[in-house]
Full PDB file with SEQRES, HELIX, SHEET, SSBOND, CRYST1, ORIGX, SCALE, CONECT and MASTER records, all heavy atoms in Angstrom:
SEQRES   1 A   36  SER ASN GLY SER LYS TRP PHE GLN VAL TYR VAL TRP ARG          
SEQRES   2 A   36  ASP LYS GLY LEU LEU LYS ASP MET ILE LEU ARG ALA ALA          
SEQRES   3 A   36  ASP ALA GLY PHE ASP VAL LEU CYS ILE THR                      
HELIX    1 AA1 LYS A   15  ALA A   28  1                                  14    
SHEET    1 AA1 2 TRP A   6  VAL A   9  0                                        
SHEET    2 AA1 2 VAL A  32  ILE A  35  1                                        
CRYST1    1.000    1.000    1.000  90.00  90.00  90.00 P 1           1          
ORIGX1      1.000000  0.000000  0.000000        0.00000                         
ORIGX2      0.000000  1.000000  0.000000        0.00000                         
ORIGX3      0.000000  0.000000  1.000000        0.00000                         
SCALE1      1.000000  0.000000  0.000000        0.00000                         
SCALE2      0.000000  1.000000  0.000000        0.00000                         
SCALE3      0.000000  0.000000  1.000000        0.00000                         
ATOM      1  N   SER A   1      78.927 202.402 -94.631  1.00  0.00           N  
ATOM      2  CA  SER A   1      77.847 203.042 -93.945  1.00  0.00           C  
ATOM      3  C   SER A   1      76.774 202.103 -93.481  1.00  0.00           C  
ATOM      4  O   SER A   1      76.343 201.146 -94.314  1.00  0.00           O  
ATOM      5  CB  SER A   1      77.203 204.105 -94.895  1.00  0.00           C  
ATOM      6  OG  SER A   1      76.078 204.566 -94.252  1.00  0.00           O  
ATOM      7  N   ASN A   2      76.518 202.215 -92.189  1.00  0.00           N  
ATOM      8  CA  ASN A   2      75.392 201.396 -91.639  1.00  0.00           C  
ATOM      9  C   ASN A   2      74.232 202.269 -91.430  1.00  0.00           C  
ATOM     10  O   ASN A   2      73.179 201.787 -90.783  1.00  0.00           O  
ATOM     11  CB  ASN A   2      75.800 200.755 -90.360  1.00  0.00           C  
ATOM     12  CG  ASN A   2      76.895 199.669 -90.427  1.00  0.00           C  
ATOM     13  OD1 ASN A   2      76.749 198.790 -91.315  1.00  0.00           O  
ATOM     14  ND2 ASN A   2      77.853 199.672 -89.598  1.00  0.00           N  
ATOM     15  N   GLY A   3      74.210 203.466 -91.911  1.00  0.00           N  
ATOM     16  CA  GLY A   3      73.185 204.467 -91.722  1.00  0.00           C  
ATOM     17  C   GLY A   3      72.037 204.043 -92.805  1.00  0.00           C  
ATOM     18  O   GLY A   3      72.112 203.117 -93.614  1.00  0.00           O  
ATOM     19  N   SER A   4      71.047 204.897 -92.745  1.00  0.00           N  
ATOM     20  CA  SER A   4      69.829 204.732 -93.649  1.00  0.00           C  
ATOM     21  C   SER A   4      70.301 205.121 -95.054  1.00  0.00           C  
ATOM     22  O   SER A   4      70.777 206.216 -95.287  1.00  0.00           O  
ATOM     23  CB  SER A   4      68.774 205.649 -93.262  1.00  0.00           C  
ATOM     24  OG  SER A   4      67.698 205.637 -94.262  1.00  0.00           O  
ATOM     25  N   LYS A   5      70.101 204.268 -96.058  1.00  0.00           N  
ATOM     26  CA  LYS A   5      70.607 204.383 -97.408  1.00  0.00           C  
ATOM     27  C   LYS A   5      69.450 204.256 -98.354  1.00  0.00           C  
ATOM     28  O   LYS A   5      68.749 203.244 -98.335  1.00  0.00           O  
ATOM     29  CB  LYS A   5      71.749 203.416 -97.754  1.00  0.00           C  
ATOM     30  CG  LYS A   5      72.956 203.510 -96.797  1.00  0.00           C  
ATOM     31  CD  LYS A   5      73.929 202.566 -97.095  1.00  0.00           C  
ATOM     32  CE  LYS A   5      73.613 201.140 -96.620  1.00  0.00           C  
ATOM     33  NZ  LYS A   5      73.507 201.063 -95.166  1.00  0.00           N  
ATOM     34  N   TRP A   6      69.319 205.280 -99.257  1.00  0.00           N  
ATOM     35  CA  TRP A   6      68.277 205.268-100.214  1.00  0.00           C  
ATOM     36  C   TRP A   6      68.942 204.882-101.557  1.00  0.00           C  
ATOM     37  O   TRP A   6      70.069 205.339-101.761  1.00  0.00           O  
ATOM     38  CB  TRP A   6      67.555 206.656-100.290  1.00  0.00           C  
ATOM     39  CG  TRP A   6      66.798 206.940 -99.127  1.00  0.00           C  
ATOM     40  CD1 TRP A   6      66.890 206.522 -97.892  1.00  0.00           C  
ATOM     41  CD2 TRP A   6      65.767 207.968 -99.103  1.00  0.00           C  
ATOM     42  NE1 TRP A   6      65.983 207.165 -97.070  1.00  0.00           N  
ATOM     43  CE2 TRP A   6      65.361 208.043 -97.796  1.00  0.00           C  
ATOM     44  CE3 TRP A   6      65.197 208.766-100.078  1.00  0.00           C  
ATOM     45  CZ2 TRP A   6      64.386 208.926 -97.381  1.00  0.00           C  
ATOM     46  CZ3 TRP A   6      64.256 209.703 -99.725  1.00  0.00           C  
ATOM     47  CH2 TRP A   6      63.796 209.778 -98.382  1.00  0.00           C  
ATOM     48  N   PHE A   7      68.313 204.206-102.460  1.00  0.00           N  
ATOM     49  CA  PHE A   7      68.784 204.066-103.841  1.00  0.00           C  
ATOM     50  C   PHE A   7      67.982 204.764-104.834  1.00  0.00           C  
ATOM     51  O   PHE A   7      66.783 204.495-104.885  1.00  0.00           O  
ATOM     52  CB  PHE A   7      68.917 202.528-104.169  1.00  0.00           C  
ATOM     53  CG  PHE A   7      69.626 202.292-105.496  1.00  0.00           C  
ATOM     54  CD1 PHE A   7      70.931 202.825-105.804  1.00  0.00           C  
ATOM     55  CD2 PHE A   7      69.011 201.616-106.404  1.00  0.00           C  
ATOM     56  CE1 PHE A   7      71.431 202.623-107.121  1.00  0.00           C  
ATOM     57  CE2 PHE A   7      69.511 201.372-107.638  1.00  0.00           C  
ATOM     58  CZ  PHE A   7      70.881 201.788-107.986  1.00  0.00           C  
ATOM     59  N   GLN A   8      68.439 205.672-105.568  1.00  0.00           N  
ATOM     60  CA  GLN A   8      67.807 206.497-106.561  1.00  0.00           C  
ATOM     61  C   GLN A   8      67.929 205.893-107.947  1.00  0.00           C  
ATOM     62  O   GLN A   8      69.114 205.480-108.299  1.00  0.00           O  
ATOM     63  CB  GLN A   8      68.237 207.866-106.570  1.00  0.00           C  
ATOM     64  CG  GLN A   8      67.560 208.682-107.737  1.00  0.00           C  
ATOM     65  CD  GLN A   8      68.477 208.651-109.024  1.00  0.00           C  
ATOM     66  OE1 GLN A   8      69.692 208.464-108.953  1.00  0.00           O  
ATOM     67  NE2 GLN A   8      67.769 208.955-110.127  1.00  0.00           N  
ATOM     68  N   VAL A   9      66.789 205.460-108.699  1.00  0.00           N  
ATOM     69  CA  VAL A   9      66.910 204.876-109.966  1.00  0.00           C  
ATOM     70  C   VAL A   9      66.296 205.776-110.960  1.00  0.00           C  
ATOM     71  O   VAL A   9      65.281 206.415-110.789  1.00  0.00           O  
ATOM     72  CB  VAL A   9      66.255 203.511-109.934  1.00  0.00           C  
ATOM     73  CG1 VAL A   9      67.068 202.518-109.160  1.00  0.00           C  
ATOM     74  CG2 VAL A   9      64.832 203.590-109.551  1.00  0.00           C  
ATOM     75  N   TYR A  10      66.985 205.877-112.218  1.00  0.00           N  
ATOM     76  CA  TYR A  10      66.353 206.296-113.394  1.00  0.00           C  
ATOM     77  C   TYR A  10      65.770 204.981-114.088  1.00  0.00           C  
ATOM     78  O   TYR A  10      66.181 203.948-113.884  1.00  0.00           O  
ATOM     79  CB  TYR A  10      67.364 206.962-114.315  1.00  0.00           C  
ATOM     80  CG  TYR A  10      67.944 208.218-113.825  1.00  0.00           C  
ATOM     81  CD1 TYR A  10      69.160 208.297-113.249  1.00  0.00           C  
ATOM     82  CD2 TYR A  10      67.245 209.367-113.865  1.00  0.00           C  
ATOM     83  CE1 TYR A  10      69.651 209.547-112.803  1.00  0.00           C  
ATOM     84  CE2 TYR A  10      67.722 210.598-113.448  1.00  0.00           C  
ATOM     85  CZ  TYR A  10      69.005 210.627-112.904  1.00  0.00           C  
ATOM     86  OH  TYR A  10      69.363 211.813-112.480  1.00  0.00           O  
ATOM     87  N   VAL A  11      64.714 205.235-114.874  1.00  0.00           N  
ATOM     88  CA  VAL A  11      64.125 204.125-115.558  1.00  0.00           C  
ATOM     89  C   VAL A  11      64.869 203.881-116.894  1.00  0.00           C  
ATOM     90  O   VAL A  11      64.819 204.655-117.884  1.00  0.00           O  
ATOM     91  CB  VAL A  11      62.595 204.299-115.678  1.00  0.00           C  
ATOM     92  CG1 VAL A  11      61.946 203.187-116.372  1.00  0.00           C  
ATOM     93  CG2 VAL A  11      61.921 204.624-114.415  1.00  0.00           C  
ATOM     94  N   TRP A  12      65.559 202.830-116.966  1.00  0.00           N  
ATOM     95  CA  TRP A  12      66.385 202.496-118.186  1.00  0.00           C  
ATOM     96  C   TRP A  12      65.454 201.767-119.116  1.00  0.00           C  
ATOM     97  O   TRP A  12      64.525 201.072-118.779  1.00  0.00           O  
ATOM     98  CB  TRP A  12      67.541 201.682-117.727  1.00  0.00           C  
ATOM     99  CG  TRP A  12      68.568 202.310-116.840  1.00  0.00           C  
ATOM    100  CD1 TRP A  12      68.310 202.797-115.573  1.00  0.00           C  
ATOM    101  CD2 TRP A  12      69.884 202.695-117.157  1.00  0.00           C  
ATOM    102  NE1 TRP A  12      69.477 203.402-115.135  1.00  0.00           N  
ATOM    103  CE2 TRP A  12      70.437 203.386-116.123  1.00  0.00           C  
ATOM    104  CE3 TRP A  12      70.646 202.382-118.316  1.00  0.00           C  
ATOM    105  CZ2 TRP A  12      71.780 203.854-116.078  1.00  0.00           C  
ATOM    106  CZ3 TRP A  12      71.933 202.900-118.307  1.00  0.00           C  
ATOM    107  CH2 TRP A  12      72.480 203.540-117.259  1.00  0.00           C  
ATOM    108  N   ARG A  13      65.962 201.856-120.356  1.00  0.00           N  
ATOM    109  CA  ARG A  13      65.270 201.035-121.380  1.00  0.00           C  
ATOM    110  C   ARG A  13      65.462 199.518-121.147  1.00  0.00           C  
ATOM    111  O   ARG A  13      64.499 198.760-121.388  1.00  0.00           O  
ATOM    112  CB  ARG A  13      65.818 201.407-122.720  1.00  0.00           C  
ATOM    113  CG  ARG A  13      65.507 202.834-123.251  1.00  0.00           C  
ATOM    114  CD  ARG A  13      66.193 203.164-124.591  1.00  0.00           C  
ATOM    115  NE  ARG A  13      66.201 204.479-124.886  1.00  0.00           N  
ATOM    116  CZ  ARG A  13      65.302 205.084-125.685  1.00  0.00           C  
ATOM    117  NH1 ARG A  13      64.298 204.353-126.289  1.00  0.00           N  
ATOM    118  NH2 ARG A  13      65.424 206.403-126.020  1.00  0.00           N  
ATOM    119  N   ASP A  14      66.580 199.281-120.702  1.00  0.00           N  
ATOM    120  CA  ASP A  14      67.023 197.812-120.398  1.00  0.00           C  
ATOM    121  C   ASP A  14      66.308 197.476-119.017  1.00  0.00           C  
ATOM    122  O   ASP A  14      66.946 197.728-117.874  1.00  0.00           O  
ATOM    123  CB  ASP A  14      68.482 197.719-120.358  1.00  0.00           C  
ATOM    124  CG  ASP A  14      68.844 196.248-120.059  1.00  0.00           C  
ATOM    125  OD1 ASP A  14      68.083 195.394-119.730  1.00  0.00           O  
ATOM    126  OD2 ASP A  14      70.067 195.924-120.439  1.00  0.00           O  
ATOM    127  N   LYS A  15      65.157 196.864-118.985  1.00  0.00           N  
ATOM    128  CA  LYS A  15      64.553 196.480-117.656  1.00  0.00           C  
ATOM    129  C   LYS A  15      65.227 195.427-117.028  1.00  0.00           C  
ATOM    130  O   LYS A  15      65.060 195.499-115.711  1.00  0.00           O  
ATOM    131  CB  LYS A  15      63.103 196.194-118.032  1.00  0.00           C  
ATOM    132  CG  LYS A  15      62.239 197.309-118.567  1.00  0.00           C  
ATOM    133  CD  LYS A  15      62.192 198.481-117.683  1.00  0.00           C  
ATOM    134  CE  LYS A  15      61.338 199.557-118.123  1.00  0.00           C  
ATOM    135  NZ  LYS A  15      61.795 200.173-119.473  1.00  0.00           N  
ATOM    136  N   GLY A  16      65.907 194.568-117.651  1.00  0.00           N  
ATOM    137  CA  GLY A  16      66.714 193.575-116.926  1.00  0.00           C  
ATOM    138  C   GLY A  16      67.796 194.253-116.066  1.00  0.00           C  
ATOM    139  O   GLY A  16      68.070 193.828-114.924  1.00  0.00           O  
ATOM    140  N   LEU A  17      68.594 195.242-116.593  1.00  0.00           N  
ATOM    141  CA  LEU A  17      69.561 196.016-115.907  1.00  0.00           C  
ATOM    142  C   LEU A  17      68.935 196.723-114.700  1.00  0.00           C  
ATOM    143  O   LEU A  17      69.414 196.725-113.622  1.00  0.00           O  
ATOM    144  CB  LEU A  17      70.204 196.946-116.907  1.00  0.00           C  
ATOM    145  CG  LEU A  17      71.199 197.962-116.217  1.00  0.00           C  
ATOM    146  CD1 LEU A  17      72.399 197.236-115.467  1.00  0.00           C  
ATOM    147  CD2 LEU A  17      71.779 198.929-117.296  1.00  0.00           C  
ATOM    148  N   LEU A  18      67.777 197.348-114.958  1.00  0.00           N  
ATOM    149  CA  LEU A  18      67.055 198.144-113.955  1.00  0.00           C  
ATOM    150  C   LEU A  18      66.659 197.184-112.765  1.00  0.00           C  
ATOM    151  O   LEU A  18      66.980 197.451-111.560  1.00  0.00           O  
ATOM    152  CB  LEU A  18      65.876 198.733-114.504  1.00  0.00           C  
ATOM    153  CG  LEU A  18      64.918 199.497-113.562  1.00  0.00           C  
ATOM    154  CD1 LEU A  18      65.749 200.659-112.947  1.00  0.00           C  
ATOM    155  CD2 LEU A  18      63.707 200.137-114.301  1.00  0.00           C  
ATOM    156  N   LYS A  19      66.193 195.925-113.098  1.00  0.00           N  
ATOM    157  CA  LYS A  19      65.730 194.985-112.100  1.00  0.00           C  
ATOM    158  C   LYS A  19      66.997 194.580-111.371  1.00  0.00           C  
ATOM    159  O   LYS A  19      67.020 194.358-110.106  1.00  0.00           O  
ATOM    160  CB  LYS A  19      65.072 193.819-112.688  1.00  0.00           C  
ATOM    161  CG  LYS A  19      64.655 192.734-111.638  1.00  0.00           C  
ATOM    162  CD  LYS A  19      63.964 191.538-112.389  1.00  0.00           C  
ATOM    163  CE  LYS A  19      63.435 190.589-111.341  1.00  0.00           C  
ATOM    164  NZ  LYS A  19      62.744 189.527-112.031  1.00  0.00           N  
ATOM    165  N   ASP A  20      68.098 194.314-111.985  1.00  0.00           N  
ATOM    166  CA  ASP A  20      69.366 193.822-111.312  1.00  0.00           C  
ATOM    167  C   ASP A  20      69.835 194.914-110.271  1.00  0.00           C  
ATOM    168  O   ASP A  20      70.231 194.571-109.197  1.00  0.00           O  
ATOM    169  CB  ASP A  20      70.406 193.580-112.371  1.00  0.00           C  
ATOM    170  CG  ASP A  20      71.702 193.204-111.728  1.00  0.00           C  
ATOM    171  OD1 ASP A  20      71.811 192.101-111.096  1.00  0.00           O  
ATOM    172  OD2 ASP A  20      72.669 194.017-111.866  1.00  0.00           O  
ATOM    173  N   MET A  21      69.841 196.135-110.784  1.00  0.00           N  
ATOM    174  CA  MET A  21      70.281 197.267-109.742  1.00  0.00           C  
ATOM    175  C   MET A  21      69.421 197.338-108.552  1.00  0.00           C  
ATOM    176  O   MET A  21      69.867 197.511-107.420  1.00  0.00           O  
ATOM    177  CB  MET A  21      70.333 198.520-110.499  1.00  0.00           C  
ATOM    178  CG  MET A  21      71.520 198.776-111.506  1.00  0.00           C  
ATOM    179  SD  MET A  21      71.700 200.461-112.100  1.00  0.00           S  
ATOM    180  CE  MET A  21      70.161 200.710-113.122  1.00  0.00           C  
ATOM    181  N   ILE A  22      68.100 197.221-108.801  1.00  0.00           N  
ATOM    182  CA  ILE A  22      67.232 197.279-107.622  1.00  0.00           C  
ATOM    183  C   ILE A  22      67.432 196.185-106.574  1.00  0.00           C  
ATOM    184  O   ILE A  22      67.458 196.378-105.439  1.00  0.00           O  
ATOM    185  CB  ILE A  22      65.760 197.382-108.178  1.00  0.00           C  
ATOM    186  CG1 ILE A  22      65.446 198.739-108.869  1.00  0.00           C  
ATOM    187  CG2 ILE A  22      64.740 197.232-106.983  1.00  0.00           C  
ATOM    188  CD1 ILE A  22      64.085 198.736-109.522  1.00  0.00           C  
ATOM    189  N   LEU A  23      67.655 194.945-107.224  1.00  0.00           N  
ATOM    190  CA  LEU A  23      67.783 193.782-106.312  1.00  0.00           C  
ATOM    191  C   LEU A  23      69.148 193.912-105.631  1.00  0.00           C  
ATOM    192  O   LEU A  23      69.265 193.443-104.368  1.00  0.00           O  
ATOM    193  CB  LEU A  23      67.593 192.573-107.149  1.00  0.00           C  
ATOM    194  CG  LEU A  23      66.244 192.246-107.652  1.00  0.00           C  
ATOM    195  CD1 LEU A  23      66.240 190.950-108.518  1.00  0.00           C  
ATOM    196  CD2 LEU A  23      65.087 192.178-106.623  1.00  0.00           C  
ATOM    197  N   ARG A  24      70.146 194.418-106.260  1.00  0.00           N  
ATOM    198  CA  ARG A  24      71.421 194.606-105.711  1.00  0.00           C  
ATOM    199  C   ARG A  24      71.415 195.482-104.494  1.00  0.00           C  
ATOM    200  O   ARG A  24      71.923 195.294-103.555  1.00  0.00           O  
ATOM    201  CB  ARG A  24      72.445 195.044-106.743  1.00  0.00           C  
ATOM    202  CG  ARG A  24      73.010 193.927-107.555  1.00  0.00           C  
ATOM    203  CD  ARG A  24      73.901 194.508-108.655  1.00  0.00           C  
ATOM    204  NE  ARG A  24      74.963 195.406-108.091  1.00  0.00           N  
ATOM    205  CZ  ARG A  24      75.666 196.318-108.757  1.00  0.00           C  
ATOM    206  NH1 ARG A  24      75.258 196.608-110.108  1.00  0.00           N  
ATOM    207  NH2 ARG A  24      76.522 197.079-108.281  1.00  0.00           N  
ATOM    208  N   ALA A  25      70.682 196.587-104.674  1.00  0.00           N  
ATOM    209  CA  ALA A  25      70.545 197.635-103.669  1.00  0.00           C  
ATOM    210  C   ALA A  25      69.770 197.013-102.474  1.00  0.00           C  
ATOM    211  O   ALA A  25      70.290 197.224-101.305  1.00  0.00           O  
ATOM    212  CB  ALA A  25      69.715 198.903-104.217  1.00  0.00           C  
ATOM    213  N   ALA A  26      68.783 196.212-102.720  1.00  0.00           N  
ATOM    214  CA  ALA A  26      68.124 195.611-101.670  1.00  0.00           C  
ATOM    215  C   ALA A  26      69.007 194.585-100.840  1.00  0.00           C  
ATOM    216  O   ALA A  26      69.120 194.586 -99.557  1.00  0.00           O  
ATOM    217  CB  ALA A  26      66.770 194.823-102.120  1.00  0.00           C  
ATOM    218  N   ASP A  27      69.813 193.825-101.598  1.00  0.00           N  
ATOM    219  CA  ASP A  27      70.829 192.952-100.943  1.00  0.00           C  
ATOM    220  C   ASP A  27      71.908 193.698-100.196  1.00  0.00           C  
ATOM    221  O   ASP A  27      72.363 193.106 -99.263  1.00  0.00           O  
ATOM    222  CB  ASP A  27      71.319 191.947-102.199  1.00  0.00           C  
ATOM    223  CG  ASP A  27      70.383 190.964-102.745  1.00  0.00           C  
ATOM    224  OD1 ASP A  27      69.310 190.771-102.034  1.00  0.00           O  
ATOM    225  OD2 ASP A  27      70.695 190.446-103.735  1.00  0.00           O  
ATOM    226  N   ALA A  28      72.278 194.791-100.652  1.00  0.00           N  
ATOM    227  CA  ALA A  28      73.203 195.606 -99.948  1.00  0.00           C  
ATOM    228  C   ALA A  28      72.715 196.267 -98.676  1.00  0.00           C  
ATOM    229  O   ALA A  28      73.547 197.072 -98.051  1.00  0.00           O  
ATOM    230  CB  ALA A  28      73.924 196.602-100.920  1.00  0.00           C  
ATOM    231  N   GLY A  29      71.509 196.235 -98.439  1.00  0.00           N  
ATOM    232  CA  GLY A  29      70.909 196.771 -97.190  1.00  0.00           C  
ATOM    233  C   GLY A  29      70.345 198.184 -97.322  1.00  0.00           C  
ATOM    234  O   GLY A  29      70.008 198.897 -96.375  1.00  0.00           O  
ATOM    235  N   PHE A  30      70.245 198.667 -98.580  1.00  0.00           N  
ATOM    236  CA  PHE A  30      69.487 199.949 -98.827  1.00  0.00           C  
ATOM    237  C   PHE A  30      68.023 199.760 -98.411  1.00  0.00           C  
ATOM    238  O   PHE A  30      67.315 198.692 -98.718  1.00  0.00           O  
ATOM    239  CB  PHE A  30      69.616 200.415-100.259  1.00  0.00           C  
ATOM    240  CG  PHE A  30      70.960 200.908-100.645  1.00  0.00           C  
ATOM    241  CD1 PHE A  30      72.013 200.150-100.555  1.00  0.00           C  
ATOM    242  CD2 PHE A  30      71.076 202.241-100.910  1.00  0.00           C  
ATOM    243  CE1 PHE A  30      73.260 200.678-100.871  1.00  0.00           C  
ATOM    244  CE2 PHE A  30      72.287 202.787-101.287  1.00  0.00           C  
ATOM    245  CZ  PHE A  30      73.406 202.002-101.199  1.00  0.00           C  
ATOM    246  N   ASP A  31      67.481 200.819 -97.795  1.00  0.00           N  
ATOM    247  CA  ASP A  31      66.103 200.596 -97.244  1.00  0.00           C  
ATOM    248  C   ASP A  31      64.865 201.388 -97.871  1.00  0.00           C  
ATOM    249  O   ASP A  31      63.767 201.245 -97.534  1.00  0.00           O  
ATOM    250  CB  ASP A  31      66.048 201.036 -95.680  1.00  0.00           C  
ATOM    251  CG  ASP A  31      66.892 202.190 -95.339  1.00  0.00           C  
ATOM    252  OD1 ASP A  31      66.993 203.087 -96.204  1.00  0.00           O  
ATOM    253  OD2 ASP A  31      67.393 202.236 -94.141  1.00  0.00           O  
ATOM    254  N   VAL A  32      65.285 202.322 -98.779  1.00  0.00           N  
ATOM    255  CA  VAL A  32      64.298 203.123 -99.546  1.00  0.00           C  
ATOM    256  C   VAL A  32      64.653 203.176-100.961  1.00  0.00           C  
ATOM    257  O   VAL A  32      65.732 203.308-101.274  1.00  0.00           O  
ATOM    258  CB  VAL A  32      64.274 204.510 -98.957  1.00  0.00           C  
ATOM    259  CG1 VAL A  32      63.203 205.402 -99.742  1.00  0.00           C  
ATOM    260  CG2 VAL A  32      63.847 204.512 -97.404  1.00  0.00           C  
ATOM    261  N   LEU A  33      63.600 203.083-101.874  1.00  0.00           N  
ATOM    262  CA  LEU A  33      63.849 203.175-103.256  1.00  0.00           C  
ATOM    263  C   LEU A  33      63.140 204.559-103.729  1.00  0.00           C  
ATOM    264  O   LEU A  33      62.048 204.878-103.356  1.00  0.00           O  
ATOM    265  CB  LEU A  33      63.068 202.106-103.949  1.00  0.00           C  
ATOM    266  CG  LEU A  33      63.361 202.049-105.486  1.00  0.00           C  
ATOM    267  CD1 LEU A  33      64.778 201.589-105.932  1.00  0.00           C  
ATOM    268  CD2 LEU A  33      62.353 200.981-106.203  1.00  0.00           C  
ATOM    269  N   CYS A  34      64.040 205.301-104.465  1.00  0.00           N  
ATOM    270  CA  CYS A  34      63.567 206.666-104.850  1.00  0.00           C  
ATOM    271  C   CYS A  34      63.632 206.689-106.352  1.00  0.00           C  
ATOM    272  O   CYS A  34      64.749 206.577-106.919  1.00  0.00           O  
ATOM    273  CB  CYS A  34      64.553 207.694-104.265  1.00  0.00           C  
ATOM    274  SG  CYS A  34      64.024 209.362-104.533  1.00  0.00           S  
ATOM    275  N   ILE A  35      62.525 206.846-107.065  1.00  0.00           N  
ATOM    276  CA  ILE A  35      62.341 206.775-108.486  1.00  0.00           C  
ATOM    277  C   ILE A  35      62.369 208.159-109.044  1.00  0.00           C  
ATOM    278  O   ILE A  35      61.439 208.888-108.794  1.00  0.00           O  
ATOM    279  CB  ILE A  35      61.185 205.889-108.931  1.00  0.00           C  
ATOM    280  CG1 ILE A  35      61.225 204.582-108.293  1.00  0.00           C  
ATOM    281  CG2 ILE A  35      61.147 205.728-110.470  1.00  0.00           C  
ATOM    282  CD1 ILE A  35      59.817 203.829-108.416  1.00  0.00           C  
ATOM    283  N   THR A  36      63.492 208.511-109.897  1.00  0.00           N  
ATOM    284  CA  THR A  36      63.348 209.756-110.483  1.00  0.00           C  
ATOM    285  C   THR A  36      62.706 209.714-111.801  1.00  0.00           C  
ATOM    286  O   THR A  36      62.941 208.925-112.647  1.00  0.00           O  
ATOM    287  CB  THR A  36      64.830 210.332-110.792  1.00  0.00           C  
ATOM    288  OG1 THR A  36      65.437 210.653-109.522  1.00  0.00           O  
ATOM    289  CG2 THR A  36      64.904 211.604-111.526  1.00  0.00           C  
TER     290      THR A  36                                                      
MASTER        0    0    0    1    2    0    0    6  289    1    0    3          
END                                                                             
């Protein structure tokens, strides 16, 4: 998909894992972060 892509995150206890997922989403071209 080259369309608009949002990445929804839950807040994990493991902040290193959470940071890694957020940065991966940015690198993959996701344009919006949605925090549940």
